[in-house]
């Protein structure tokens, strides 16, 4: 988060966050990689006080609404852990083309790694009112609809829209009223 102009401004309030794969590579077309994201959030919910209010995972980026006692640390550890696990998965599967692109996308100053999976920053935006929370939830849930992937938000598997429609989701949420 250090280089981003977006910062966690109030840990007592939720934030809208975006994480994007470098070069907009469609890595999340692989369900196993989405499972890594969900598992990481589950761990953070259980061990780091993460409150997850909503999310959507598309093929090359994700949005989520979250709050935690140390949200900046949660975001940093989320990106670090998921990158390592996803890179391990790609290496084990011999995904050389994707790995080569992730290697070429690595920023020159990143001398401690061979690949870069996530773009820097998380574009954190403070959610300062119930109206803003509703707007952000609608935005993330409508994202797959706007792209023409599904007709209804709850039809997108990797979204909290199902939870808000009273259907079982892939991860437990702190539902916003």
Protein backbone atom coordinates (compact mmCIF):
# COMPACT_ATOMS: atom_id res chain seq x y z
CA UNK A 1 0.00 0.00 0.00
CA UNK A 2 2.97 2.33 0.44
CA UNK A 3 3.05 3.71 -3.10
CA UNK A 4 -0.70 4.14 -3.45
CA UNK A 5 -2.36 7.50 -3.05
CA UNK A 6 -5.31 5.58 -1.63
CA UNK A 7 -4.97 4.95 2.08
CA UNK A 8 -7.06 3.44 4.84
CA UNK A 9 -8.34 6.58 6.50
CA UNK A 10 -10.55 5.28 9.33
CA UNK A 11 -10.35 1.71 10.61
CA UNK A 12 -13.70 2.15 12.36
CA UNK A 13 -15.39 2.42 8.96
CA UNK A 14 -15.65 0.04 5.99
CA UNK A 15 -13.63 0.68 2.85
CA UNK A 16 -14.26 -0.15 -0.80
CA UNK A 17 -11.16 -1.86 -2.20
CA UNK A 18 -10.04 -2.94 -5.65
CA UNK A 19 -7.24 -5.36 -6.49
CA UNK A 20 -6.20 -5.81 -10.11
CA UNK A 21 -3.97 -8.41 -11.72
CA UNK A 22 -1.01 -6.88 -13.60
CA UNK A 23 -1.68 -6.41 -17.30
CA UNK A 24 -5.31 -7.29 -16.57
CA UNK A 25 -4.46 -10.97 -17.09
CA UNK A 26 -7.62 -13.12 -16.76
CA UNK A 27 -6.23 -15.37 -14.04
CA UNK A 28 -9.54 -15.72 -12.20
CA UNK A 29 -11.00 -17.66 -15.10
CA UNK A 30 -9.31 -20.51 -13.18
CA UNK A 31 -11.65 -21.50 -10.31
CA UNK A 32 -8.74 -22.82 -8.23
CA UNK A 33 -7.26 -19.32 -8.11
CA UNK A 34 -10.56 -17.84 -6.92
CA UNK A 35 -10.63 -20.50 -4.20
CA UNK A 36 -7.30 -19.15 -2.96
CA UNK A 37 -8.85 -15.68 -2.58
CA UNK A 38 -11.88 -17.01 -0.72
CA UNK A 39 -9.74 -19.16 1.58
CA UNK A 40 -7.58 -16.17 2.43
CA UNK A 41 -10.61 -14.05 3.30
CA UNK A 42 -11.96 -16.89 5.48
CA UNK A 43 -8.67 -17.04 7.33
CA UNK A 44 -8.66 -13.27 7.81
CA UNK A 45 -12.24 -13.33 9.07
CA UNK A 46 -11.33 -15.97 11.65
CA UNK A 47 -7.92 -14.62 12.68
CA UNK A 48 -7.53 -10.94 11.79
CA UNK A 49 -10.95 -9.46 12.53
CA UNK A 50 -11.83 -8.95 8.87
CA UNK A 51 -15.45 -7.99 8.34
CA UNK A 52 -16.36 -8.67 4.72
CA UNK A 53 -19.55 -6.88 3.62
CA UNK A 54 -19.51 -7.66 -0.09
CA UNK A 55 -17.32 -8.72 -2.98
CA UNK A 56 -17.13 -9.59 -6.63
CA UNK A 57 -14.34 -11.44 -8.40
CA UNK A 58 -14.12 -10.96 -12.15
CA UNK A 59 -11.57 -12.54 -14.49
CA UNK A 60 -8.80 -9.99 -13.84
CA UNK A 61 -9.76 -7.92 -10.80
CA UNK A 62 -11.87 -7.91 -7.70
CA UNK A 63 -13.74 -5.42 -5.57
CA UNK A 64 -14.61 -5.84 -1.94
CA UNK A 65 -16.08 -3.94 0.98
CA UNK A 66 -14.28 -4.64 4.23
CA UNK A 67 -13.33 -3.40 7.65
CA UNK A 68 -10.73 -4.63 10.14
CA UNK A 69 -8.81 -3.34 13.15
CA UNK A 70 -5.75 -3.13 10.89
CA UNK A 71 -7.24 -3.11 7.41
CA UNK A 72 -4.03 -1.92 5.75
CA UNK A 73 -2.23 -4.98 7.15
CA UNK A 74 -5.10 -7.25 6.07
CA UNK A 75 -4.96 -5.92 2.52
CA UNK A 76 -1.19 -6.23 2.39
CA UNK A 77 -1.19 -9.78 3.74
CA UNK A 78 -4.11 -10.70 1.44
CA UNK A 79 -2.20 -9.60 -1.63
CA UNK A 80 1.09 -11.15 -0.50
CA UNK A 81 -0.39 -14.51 0.52
CA UNK A 82 -2.69 -14.88 -2.50
CA UNK A 83 0.07 -13.90 -4.92
CA UNK A 84 2.41 -16.55 -3.50
CA UNK A 85 -0.27 -19.26 -3.52
CA UNK A 86 -1.46 -18.38 -7.03
CA UNK A 87 2.08 -18.31 -8.40
CA UNK A 88 2.75 -21.70 -6.80
CA UNK A 89 -0.42 -23.01 -8.46
CA UNK A 90 0.58 -21.63 -11.87
CA UNK A 91 4.09 -23.09 -11.55
CA UNK A 92 2.71 -26.52 -10.56
CA UNK A 93 0.36 -26.47 -13.56
CA UNK A 94 3.08 -25.41 -15.99
CA UNK A 95 1.32 -22.18 -16.92
CA UNK A 96 4.47 -20.83 -18.57
CA UNK A 97 2.73 -18.22 -20.72
CA UNK A 98 1.02 -16.59 -17.74
CA UNK A 99 4.18 -16.79 -15.64
CA UNK A 100 6.24 -15.19 -18.40
CA UNK A 101 3.81 -12.27 -18.58
CA UNK A 102 3.87 -11.90 -14.79
CA UNK A 103 7.66 -11.85 -14.92
CA UNK A 104 7.73 -9.19 -17.63
CA UNK A 105 5.19 -7.10 -15.69
CA UNK A 106 7.33 -7.06 -12.56
CA UNK A 107 8.33 -3.55 -11.64
CA UNK A 108 12.09 -2.88 -11.97
CA UNK A 109 12.45 -1.91 -8.31
CA UNK A 110 11.00 -5.27 -7.17
CA UNK A 111 14.31 -7.09 -6.87
CA UNK A 112 13.10 -9.52 -4.20
CA UNK A 113 10.83 -11.54 -6.51
CA UNK A 114 10.64 -13.12 -9.90
CA UNK A 115 6.99 -12.25 -10.62
CA UNK A 116 4.45 -9.59 -9.85
CA UNK A 117 0.84 -10.68 -9.73
CA UNK A 118 -1.05 -7.70 -8.32
CA UNK A 119 -0.89 -4.10 -9.45
CA UNK A 120 0.36 -1.86 -6.67
CA UNK A 121 -2.21 -0.26 -4.39
CA UNK A 122 -5.77 -1.22 -3.58
CA UNK A 123 -7.61 2.02 -4.34
CA UNK A 124 -9.17 2.17 -0.87
CA UNK A 125 -12.19 4.45 -0.60
CA UNK A 126 -13.82 5.23 2.74
CA UNK A 127 -17.47 4.19 3.00
CA UNK A 128 -18.75 7.02 5.14
CA UNK A 129 -22.52 6.46 5.11
CA UNK A 130 -25.22 3.84 4.53
CA UNK A 131 -26.01 5.49 1.19
CA UNK A 132 -22.40 5.10 0.03
CA UNK A 133 -22.37 1.47 1.22
CA UNK A 134 -25.53 0.75 -0.78
CA UNK A 135 -24.04 2.45 -3.86
CA UNK A 136 -20.82 0.42 -3.60
CA UNK A 137 -22.71 -2.87 -3.06
CA UNK A 138 -24.88 -2.12 -6.09
CA UNK A 139 -21.78 -1.26 -8.12
CA UNK A 140 -19.94 -4.48 -7.34
CA UNK A 141 -23.02 -6.68 -7.72
CA UNK A 142 -23.91 -5.10 -11.08
CA UNK A 143 -20.37 -5.41 -12.43
CA UNK A 144 -20.88 -8.84 -14.09
CA UNK A 145 -24.27 -7.71 -15.41
CA UNK A 146 -22.79 -4.57 -16.99
CA UNK A 147 -20.14 -6.74 -18.67
CA UNK A 148 -22.85 -8.96 -20.12
CA UNK A 149 -21.72 -12.10 -18.28
CA UNK A 150 -25.06 -12.69 -16.51
CA UNK A 151 -28.56 -11.27 -16.55
CA UNK A 152 -28.96 -11.05 -12.77
CA UNK A 153 -26.27 -10.24 -10.19
CA UNK A 154 -27.00 -13.33 -8.11
CA UNK A 155 -26.23 -15.53 -11.12
CA UNK A 156 -22.53 -14.60 -10.87
CA UNK A 157 -20.90 -17.34 -8.81
CA UNK A 158 -18.09 -15.20 -7.44
CA UNK A 159 -20.15 -12.44 -5.89
CA UNK A 160 -21.86 -11.64 -2.62
CA UNK A 161 -25.05 -10.79 -4.53
CA UNK A 162 -26.31 -14.29 -3.69
CA UNK A 163 -25.89 -13.63 0.03
CA UNK A 164 -27.95 -10.45 -0.26
CA UNK A 165 -30.70 -12.34 -2.11
CA UNK A 166 -31.00 -14.86 0.73
CA UNK A 167 -29.18 -17.60 -1.18
CA UNK A 168 -26.13 -19.47 0.08
CA UNK A 169 -22.93 -17.75 -0.97
CA UNK A 170 -19.40 -19.04 -1.23
CA UNK A 171 -18.24 -17.19 1.90
CA UNK A 172 -19.91 -15.88 5.05
CA UNK A 173 -20.51 -12.14 5.10
CA UNK A 174 -21.19 -9.44 7.60
CA UNK A 175 -24.32 -8.47 5.72
CA UNK A 176 -25.04 -4.79 5.51
CA UNK A 177 -28.64 -4.14 6.53
